Protein backbone atom coordinates (compact mmCIF):
# COMPACT_ATOMS: atom_id res chain seq x y z
CA MET A 1 105.22 62.63 -0.71
CA ARG A 2 104.81 63.25 -4.42
CA PHE A 3 107.58 64.85 -6.46
CA SER A 4 107.99 65.69 -10.13
CA ILE A 5 110.13 67.42 -12.75
CA CYS A 6 109.04 70.43 -14.73
CA ARG A 7 109.98 69.21 -18.18
CA GLY A 8 109.54 65.99 -20.09
CA VAL A 9 106.92 63.41 -20.92
CA SER A 10 106.11 60.22 -19.06
CA LEU A 11 108.22 57.11 -19.84
CA SER A 12 106.30 53.95 -20.78
CA MET A 13 108.89 52.00 -18.88
CA LEU A 14 106.69 49.45 -17.17
CA LEU A 15 104.67 46.95 -19.18
CA ALA A 16 101.61 45.21 -17.82
CA LEU A 17 103.42 41.92 -17.40
CA SER A 18 106.22 43.61 -15.52
CA LEU A 19 103.74 45.15 -13.11
CA ALA A 20 102.51 41.66 -12.28
CA SER A 21 106.01 40.73 -11.19
CA THR A 22 105.63 42.55 -7.88
CA ALA A 23 104.96 39.07 -6.51
CA PHE A 24 108.76 38.68 -6.51
CA ALA A 25 109.65 40.24 -3.17
CA GLU A 26 113.40 39.59 -2.96
CA PRO A 27 115.70 42.64 -2.89
CA PHE A 28 117.66 43.56 -5.99
CA ILE A 29 121.08 41.91 -6.09
CA VAL A 30 124.16 44.02 -6.83
CA GLY A 31 126.67 41.39 -7.89
CA VAL A 32 130.05 40.97 -9.54
CA ALA A 33 131.88 38.21 -11.40
CA THR A 34 135.28 37.19 -10.05
CA HIS A 35 138.14 35.06 -11.30
CA SER A 36 139.69 34.55 -7.87
CA MET A 37 138.09 31.18 -7.12
CA ASN A 38 140.59 29.54 -9.50
CA ASN A 39 143.41 32.08 -9.61
CA SER A 40 145.75 32.39 -6.66
CA GLN A 41 147.23 35.51 -8.30
CA GLN A 42 144.00 37.37 -7.47
CA PRO A 43 144.10 37.64 -3.66
CA LEU A 44 140.95 36.89 -1.73
CA ARG A 45 141.19 40.27 0.00
CA SER A 46 139.70 41.57 -3.25
CA LEU A 47 136.40 40.20 -1.94
CA GLU A 48 136.71 42.62 0.97
CA LEU A 49 136.92 45.44 -1.56
CA ALA A 50 133.82 44.05 -3.28
CA LYS A 51 131.96 44.04 0.01
CA ALA A 52 133.06 47.62 0.72
CA ALA A 53 131.52 48.66 -2.60
CA GLY A 54 128.14 47.29 -1.57
CA ILE A 55 128.37 44.12 -3.64
CA ALA A 56 126.10 41.41 -2.22
CA SER A 57 126.88 38.44 -4.48
CA VAL A 58 129.94 37.01 -6.24
CA ARG A 59 129.97 34.63 -9.22
CA ASP A 60 132.74 32.23 -10.22
CA ASP A 61 133.47 28.81 -11.78
CA ALA A 62 133.65 25.35 -10.25
CA PHE A 63 135.26 23.89 -13.36
CA TRP A 64 134.29 20.29 -14.14
CA SER A 65 137.84 19.75 -15.41
CA THR A 66 139.25 20.87 -12.04
CA SER A 67 136.79 18.87 -9.98
CA GLU A 68 137.20 15.66 -12.00
CA PRO A 69 140.50 15.63 -13.90
CA GLU A 70 140.25 11.84 -14.13
CA ARG A 71 137.13 9.70 -14.36
CA ASN A 72 135.46 9.18 -10.96
CA GLN A 73 138.25 11.08 -9.18
CA HIS A 74 136.33 14.06 -7.79
CA ARG A 75 137.81 16.74 -5.57
CA ILE A 76 137.29 20.22 -4.16
CA ILE A 77 140.50 22.23 -4.32
CA PRO A 78 141.50 24.34 -1.27
CA LEU A 79 141.18 27.63 -3.18
CA TRP A 80 137.48 26.94 -3.78
CA ARG A 81 136.84 26.45 -0.07
CA ALA A 82 138.84 29.56 0.77
CA TRP A 83 136.86 31.63 -1.76
CA LEU A 84 133.52 30.34 -0.47
CA GLY A 85 134.55 30.79 3.15
CA THR A 86 135.73 34.34 2.54
CA ALA A 87 132.51 35.28 0.74
CA LYS A 88 130.40 33.71 3.47
CA GLY A 89 132.36 35.51 6.17
CA LEU A 90 131.65 38.79 4.39
CA ASP A 91 127.95 37.93 4.16
CA MET A 92 128.04 37.80 0.35
CA SER A 93 126.07 35.12 -1.46
CA SER A 94 127.88 32.89 -3.95
CA MET A 95 126.94 31.87 -7.48
CA ILE A 96 128.68 28.80 -8.87
CA ILE A 97 128.88 27.95 -12.58
CA LEU A 98 128.73 24.22 -13.36
CA GLY A 99 130.36 23.43 -16.64
CA TYR A 100 133.04 23.64 -19.36
CA GLY A 101 133.78 19.95 -19.91
CA THR A 102 136.61 17.72 -18.76
CA SER A 103 139.50 16.06 -20.53
CA TYR A 104 138.49 12.41 -20.26
CA THR A 105 135.24 13.16 -22.13
CA GLY A 106 137.07 15.17 -24.77
CA ASN A 107 135.91 18.50 -23.30
CA VAL A 108 132.62 18.22 -25.18
CA LYS A 109 129.21 19.37 -23.99
CA PRO A 110 127.10 16.74 -22.17
CA ARG A 111 124.67 16.13 -25.03
CA THR A 112 124.96 12.36 -25.21
CA PRO A 113 124.22 9.82 -22.46
CA GLU A 114 127.92 8.90 -22.29
CA VAL A 115 128.90 12.46 -21.39
CA LYS A 116 125.75 13.53 -19.56
CA ALA A 117 126.01 10.76 -16.95
CA PRO A 118 129.45 11.84 -15.63
CA TYR A 119 128.41 15.51 -15.84
CA LEU A 120 125.42 14.83 -13.58
CA ASN A 121 127.73 12.94 -11.20
CA TYR A 122 129.90 16.06 -11.09
CA VAL A 123 126.83 18.24 -10.41
CA ASP A 124 125.84 15.88 -7.61
CA TYR A 125 129.31 15.94 -6.07
CA ILE A 126 129.72 19.73 -6.25
CA SER A 127 126.27 20.57 -4.88
CA ARG A 128 126.76 18.08 -2.00
CA GLN A 129 130.24 19.25 -1.12
CA LEU A 130 129.83 23.01 -1.37
CA GLY A 131 126.62 23.11 0.61
CA SER A 132 124.72 26.07 2.01
CA PRO A 133 127.16 28.92 1.23
CA VAL A 134 126.07 28.64 -2.42
CA LYS A 135 122.91 30.65 -3.17
CA PHE A 136 122.85 30.13 -6.94
CA TYR A 137 123.92 27.38 -9.31
CA GLU A 138 124.15 28.22 -13.01
CA VAL A 139 123.89 25.21 -15.31
CA TRP A 140 126.77 25.69 -17.76
CA ASN A 141 127.94 29.05 -19.12
CA GLU A 142 127.09 30.42 -22.56
CA TRP A 143 126.01 27.03 -23.92
CA ASP A 144 124.57 28.85 -26.95
CA LEU A 145 127.94 30.23 -28.03
CA ASP A 146 128.70 27.40 -30.50
CA SER A 147 125.56 27.95 -32.59
CA PRO A 148 123.03 30.47 -31.27
CA THR A 149 120.37 29.58 -33.86
CA ASP A 150 120.66 25.76 -33.61
CA SER A 151 117.39 24.36 -32.24
CA ARG A 152 119.03 21.01 -31.42
CA LEU A 153 121.55 22.77 -29.21
CA SER A 154 118.85 24.53 -27.22
CA THR A 155 116.77 21.33 -26.96
CA ASP A 156 119.72 19.43 -25.52
CA TYR A 157 120.38 22.24 -23.06
CA VAL A 158 116.82 22.25 -21.73
CA LYS A 159 117.07 18.49 -21.23
CA LEU A 160 120.30 18.97 -19.30
CA VAL A 161 118.68 21.54 -16.99
CA ARG A 162 115.75 19.17 -16.47
CA ASP A 163 118.16 16.45 -15.31
CA ALA A 164 120.51 18.67 -13.26
CA ALA A 165 117.98 20.80 -11.36
CA PRO A 166 116.51 17.99 -9.20
CA ILE A 167 120.00 16.90 -8.17
CA ILE A 168 120.91 20.41 -7.05
CA ARG A 169 117.65 20.85 -5.16
CA LYS A 170 118.05 17.52 -3.39
CA ASN A 171 121.53 18.44 -2.17
CA ASN A 172 121.06 22.16 -1.65
CA PRO A 173 117.35 23.00 -1.20
CA GLN A 174 117.91 26.69 -0.45
CA ALA A 175 119.87 27.32 -3.68
CA LYS A 176 118.31 28.73 -6.83
CA VAL A 177 118.93 27.03 -10.16
CA LEU A 178 119.55 29.42 -13.06
CA ALA A 179 119.36 28.35 -16.68
CA GLY A 180 120.80 29.93 -19.76
CA ALA A 181 123.73 32.30 -19.25
CA VAL A 182 122.74 33.20 -22.80
CA THR A 183 124.87 35.57 -24.88
CA THR A 184 123.61 38.51 -26.90
CA ALA A 185 123.91 36.37 -30.05
CA GLY A 186 121.81 33.67 -28.42
CA ILE A 187 119.15 36.15 -27.30
CA LYS A 188 118.93 37.54 -30.84
CA GLY A 189 119.18 34.06 -32.38
CA GLY A 190 116.13 32.72 -30.56
CA PHE A 191 117.94 30.54 -28.03
CA VAL A 192 116.01 32.04 -25.09
CA ASP A 193 112.70 31.81 -26.94
CA ARG A 194 113.28 28.11 -27.62
CA MET A 195 114.25 27.52 -23.98
CA VAL A 196 111.05 29.17 -22.81
CA ALA A 197 108.92 27.32 -25.37
CA ALA A 198 110.40 24.04 -24.10
CA GLY A 199 109.38 24.96 -20.53
CA VAL A 200 112.81 25.53 -18.99
CA PHE A 201 111.23 27.81 -16.38
CA LYS A 202 109.44 24.74 -14.95
CA ASP A 203 112.82 23.37 -13.87
CA ALA A 204 114.81 26.56 -13.24
CA ASP A 205 114.18 29.39 -10.78
CA GLY A 206 115.17 31.99 -13.33
CA ILE A 207 116.80 32.65 -16.69
CA SER A 208 120.27 34.16 -16.76
CA LEU A 209 121.40 36.47 -19.55
CA HIS A 210 124.65 38.06 -20.72
CA PRO A 211 123.26 40.99 -22.75
CA TYR A 212 126.47 42.78 -23.75
CA VAL A 213 126.11 45.58 -26.33
CA HIS A 214 129.54 47.24 -26.31
CA CYS A 215 130.26 46.00 -29.87
CA GLU A 216 126.77 46.63 -31.27
CA GLY A 217 127.78 49.83 -33.05
CA ALA A 218 126.72 53.46 -32.78
CA ASP A 219 123.26 54.13 -31.34
CA ARG A 220 123.02 50.55 -30.05
CA ASN A 221 125.89 50.41 -27.57
CA THR A 222 124.80 52.88 -24.88
CA PRO A 223 122.95 52.12 -21.63
CA GLU A 224 119.86 53.88 -22.98
CA SER A 225 119.65 51.83 -26.19
CA TRP A 226 120.51 48.73 -24.16
CA ILE A 227 117.58 49.15 -21.78
CA THR A 228 115.18 49.69 -24.70
CA TRP A 229 116.29 46.38 -26.20
CA LEU A 230 116.31 44.58 -22.85
CA ARG A 231 112.79 45.81 -22.10
CA ASP A 232 111.65 44.18 -25.35
CA VAL A 233 113.47 40.97 -24.41
CA ASP A 234 111.84 40.94 -20.98
CA HIS A 235 108.39 41.48 -22.50
CA SER A 236 108.94 38.74 -25.09
CA ILE A 237 110.05 36.19 -22.48
CA SER A 238 107.12 36.86 -20.17
CA SER A 239 104.65 36.88 -23.05
CA LYS A 240 105.86 33.52 -24.35
CA ALA A 241 105.84 32.03 -20.85
CA GLY A 242 102.41 33.46 -20.07
CA LYS A 243 103.68 34.90 -16.80
CA PRO A 244 106.53 37.07 -15.48
CA ILE A 245 109.86 35.22 -15.51
CA ALA A 246 112.67 36.13 -13.13
CA LEU A 247 115.73 37.31 -15.05
CA TYR A 248 119.29 37.46 -13.72
CA LEU A 249 121.94 39.39 -15.64
CA THR A 250 124.86 37.26 -14.50
CA GLU A 251 127.31 39.10 -16.77
CA MET A 252 127.03 42.66 -18.04
CA SER A 253 129.44 45.59 -18.45
CA TRP A 254 131.44 47.80 -20.78
CA PRO A 255 135.22 47.28 -21.24
CA SER A 256 137.50 50.28 -20.72
CA HIS A 257 140.19 49.50 -23.28
CA ASP A 258 141.81 51.43 -26.10
CA GLY A 259 140.48 50.27 -29.44
CA ASN A 260 137.40 48.88 -31.13
CA CYS A 261 134.35 48.57 -28.82
CA GLY A 262 136.20 50.22 -25.92
CA ILE A 263 135.47 53.32 -23.88
CA SER A 264 137.52 55.32 -21.38
CA VAL A 265 137.69 54.35 -17.71
CA VAL A 266 135.80 57.57 -16.92
CA ARG A 267 132.96 56.87 -19.34
CA GLN A 268 132.83 53.27 -18.07
CA SER A 269 131.94 54.68 -14.66
CA ALA A 270 129.15 56.85 -16.11
CA TYR A 271 127.80 53.87 -18.06
CA LEU A 272 127.87 51.72 -14.92
CA ALA A 273 125.74 54.21 -13.01
CA ARG A 274 123.23 54.62 -15.82
CA THR A 275 123.04 50.88 -16.41
CA TYR A 276 122.34 49.97 -12.79
CA PHE A 277 119.63 52.59 -12.40
CA LEU A 278 118.05 51.81 -15.77
CA VAL A 279 117.89 48.09 -15.06
CA ARG A 280 116.00 48.86 -11.86
CA THR A 281 113.14 50.03 -14.09
CA LEU A 282 112.52 46.37 -15.05
CA PRO A 283 110.93 44.55 -12.08
CA ASN A 284 111.52 41.11 -13.59
CA VAL A 285 115.30 41.63 -13.41
CA LYS A 286 116.31 40.42 -9.97
CA GLY A 287 120.02 41.20 -10.05
CA MET A 288 122.98 42.20 -12.18
CA TRP A 289 126.55 40.91 -11.81
CA TRP A 290 129.07 43.35 -13.26
CA TYR A 291 131.76 41.60 -15.29
CA ASP A 292 134.12 41.66 -13.58
CA LEU A 293 135.75 42.62 -10.29
CA ILE A 294 139.42 42.80 -11.34
CA ASN A 295 141.03 43.59 -14.69
CA ASP A 296 142.48 40.36 -16.11
CA GLY A 297 145.67 42.04 -17.29
CA ASP A 298 147.43 45.32 -17.94
CA ALA A 299 147.37 45.65 -21.75
CA ARG A 300 145.41 48.79 -22.50
CA ASP A 301 144.55 47.62 -26.03
CA GLU A 302 143.27 44.19 -24.93
CA GLN A 303 139.51 44.10 -24.39
CA GLU A 304 139.53 41.08 -22.07
CA HIS A 305 141.97 42.82 -19.73
CA ASN A 306 139.77 45.84 -19.06
CA PHE A 307 136.28 44.88 -17.88
CA GLY A 308 137.05 45.18 -14.17
CA LEU A 309 136.07 47.56 -11.40
CA LEU A 310 139.62 47.30 -10.06
CA ASN A 311 142.99 47.35 -11.79
CA SER A 312 145.08 44.19 -11.59
CA ASP A 313 146.97 45.67 -8.60
CA LEU A 314 143.57 46.14 -6.86
CA SER A 315 143.66 49.93 -7.15
CA ALA A 316 140.21 51.38 -7.78
CA LYS A 317 139.05 52.40 -11.23
CA PRO A 318 136.44 55.18 -11.40
CA ALA A 319 133.73 52.55 -11.90
CA TYR A 320 134.51 51.04 -8.50
CA SER A 321 134.10 54.38 -6.75
CA VAL A 322 130.80 54.99 -8.54
CA LEU A 323 129.40 51.58 -7.62
CA LYS A 324 130.42 52.09 -4.00
CA ALA A 325 128.53 55.39 -3.96
CA ILE A 326 125.35 54.24 -5.71
CA SER A 327 124.94 50.66 -4.47
CA PRO A 328 122.74 51.58 -1.45
CA TYR A 329 120.31 53.36 -3.77
CA VAL A 330 120.35 50.60 -6.39
CA ARG A 331 119.81 47.94 -3.73
CA ASP A 332 117.31 49.57 -1.40
CA PHE A 333 115.22 51.99 -3.43
CA THR A 334 112.19 51.10 -5.56
CA TYR A 335 111.54 52.56 -8.98
CA ASP A 336 108.56 54.93 -9.23
CA PRO A 337 107.42 54.83 -12.88
CA ALA A 338 104.53 57.26 -12.45
CA ASN A 339 106.94 60.09 -11.64
CA SER A 340 109.77 59.18 -14.01
CA LEU A 341 110.15 61.33 -17.08
CA GLN A 342 112.26 61.80 -20.18
CA LYS A 343 112.47 64.11 -23.14
CA ASP A 344 115.15 65.16 -25.61
CA GLY A 345 117.83 62.96 -24.08
CA ILE A 346 117.09 63.98 -20.48
CA TYR A 347 116.45 61.10 -18.07
CA THR A 348 114.88 61.67 -14.65
CA LEU A 349 114.12 58.48 -12.78
CA ALA A 350 112.24 58.61 -9.48
CA PHE A 351 112.95 56.13 -6.68
CA THR A 352 111.54 55.69 -3.19
CA HIS A 353 112.57 53.95 0.02
CA GLY A 354 110.01 54.32 2.77
CA SER A 355 109.58 58.07 3.23
CA GLU A 356 112.79 58.85 1.32
CA ARG A 357 112.58 60.12 -2.26
CA ILE A 358 115.34 60.65 -4.79
CA TRP A 359 115.73 61.72 -8.37
CA VAL A 360 118.40 60.08 -10.54
CA ALA A 361 118.93 62.43 -13.46
CA TRP A 362 121.30 62.83 -16.40
CA ALA A 363 121.43 64.27 -19.92
CA LEU A 364 122.81 62.78 -23.12
CA GLY A 365 124.94 64.93 -25.38
CA ARG A 366 125.41 68.53 -24.25
CA ALA A 367 124.97 69.60 -20.63
CA ARG A 368 121.59 71.19 -19.89
CA ASP A 369 119.87 72.95 -17.01
CA VAL A 370 116.56 71.55 -15.79
CA GLN A 371 114.26 72.54 -12.98
CA ILE A 372 113.25 69.89 -10.48
CA THR A 373 110.35 70.23 -8.06
CA ALA A 374 109.56 68.52 -4.79
CA GLN A 375 107.29 69.12 -1.83
CA ALA A 376 107.89 70.32 1.70
CA MET A 377 111.66 70.93 1.39
CA ASN A 378 111.34 74.11 3.50
CA ASN A 379 114.06 76.10 1.70
CA ARG A 380 116.63 73.46 2.61
CA PRO A 381 120.00 73.16 0.87
CA VAL A 382 119.92 70.86 -2.15
CA THR A 383 121.53 67.55 -1.19
CA ALA A 384 122.97 65.56 -4.10
CA LEU A 385 125.49 62.94 -5.14
CA ASP A 386 127.30 63.62 -8.41
CA THR A 387 128.66 60.36 -9.83
CA GLN A 388 131.40 62.32 -11.60
CA SER A 389 132.86 62.92 -8.15
CA ALA A 390 131.43 59.85 -6.47
CA ASP A 391 133.96 59.75 -3.62
CA LYS A 392 132.36 62.87 -2.13
CA GLY A 393 129.11 60.97 -1.57
CA MET A 394 125.80 62.68 -0.83
CA THR A 395 126.60 66.26 0.17
CA GLU A 396 124.84 69.58 0.65
CA THR A 397 125.38 71.90 -2.29
CA GLN A 398 125.45 75.71 -2.36
CA GLN A 399 121.95 75.72 -3.85
CA HIS A 400 118.70 75.85 -1.90
CA TRP A 401 115.21 74.68 -2.68
CA SER A 402 113.07 77.73 -3.45
CA CYS A 403 109.64 77.14 -1.94
CA ASN A 404 106.17 78.57 -2.43
CA ALA A 405 103.92 77.00 0.20
CA ASP A 406 104.80 73.29 0.08
CA ARG A 407 105.98 73.34 -3.56
CA CYS A 408 109.74 73.70 -3.92
CA ALA A 409 111.99 73.90 -6.98
CA THR A 410 115.68 73.98 -7.84
CA SER A 411 117.74 74.19 -11.01
CA VAL A 412 120.23 71.40 -11.76
CA THR A 413 122.82 71.14 -14.51
CA LEU A 414 122.80 67.65 -16.01
CA ASP A 415 125.43 65.83 -18.06
CA GLU A 416 126.23 62.18 -18.84
CA PHE A 417 127.05 61.43 -15.19
CA PRO A 418 123.88 60.75 -13.18
CA LYS A 419 123.14 63.01 -10.24
CA ILE A 420 121.22 61.57 -7.29
CA ILE A 421 119.15 64.37 -5.79
CA ARG A 422 117.38 63.93 -2.48
CA ALA A 423 113.78 65.09 -2.88
CA SER A 424 112.60 64.50 0.66
CA PRO A 425 113.79 65.87 4.01
CA ASP A 426 116.95 64.27 5.36
CA PRO A 427 116.19 60.91 7.00
């Protein structure tokens, strides 16, 4: 069933290299970062709330300093096993970060043989002990942060991945090894390019990125400007590698704090919806982990306290309700670039799932009316989900499709909150 919109021009949202990436058949991963693996103040029942929101994967830290506080004295603390067991019981995959240094080495990065050897022992111990519940291992976190443009830093990191990956695969063959966890500064400073040039993708199953833009300034800090930049990053990586490279956005979000770089909790929810649907237009991106599940504190003017989907008391923020409503569509539907259109700040993205068809549509700036067309709707009521009132879910509206033969149309008012409009008969 073909469907279209009556205004706009076609988006060039899919590059030739991205089209080749259809070889990657795994479903898109809706994930979230947590801090509950090491924090008993964040109850593990929060993972049940994550599952209820449609989250399929959780990411947290197996700190080297916690695992080996003294040389050759390795351990797995009970909270780690409880976190892994809870996630497994909820059928959520786990991503474990391997890194951050330990006190007896001076908390330095493993760039010398004297530090690398115990780090690899720690990697061996963790990947043997944690076993099959872990689906992803991320080698370090934001290694580039010290000096994003330093070529020696990136060279040492690629060598570390080359040494760590075989150990992980020997102990945990079903797990994927992710390299990078590269910050926005590292992406812009060439850290990813140098990783790719050094062949990191030969040792890793994918490159992980943390492409935050909330402090990039006006016209560069919205989901729409973000996806334009990320599309260029994706194209650059695949071009330099000579093939599509799987990308994992293991941290991404907007903080909802009062002050510089912050937005309201309501706008955070609109940005979340637009971000998840926009990132589905890039086939090389295999998953995105929202940072993070729970606010880290209650200070409204503190950025680091306000990234979460939930408040610190586990009450839902608007972003949680939106993710719960949209996650089935983000996870299960496939982007249809041929029928996706934009013009003058109006976005209309088409997605399909078997015989089901949906539009995801919104407008930047002022609210505007657009006419949407579909086929064979037989004067049915218009069924839609408005992310501004996400808790209502997909509901029949007072409007009807107006049909002439098998061509049907309806008028929809769009604003900054995406509307998901069913453009095929009810399943």
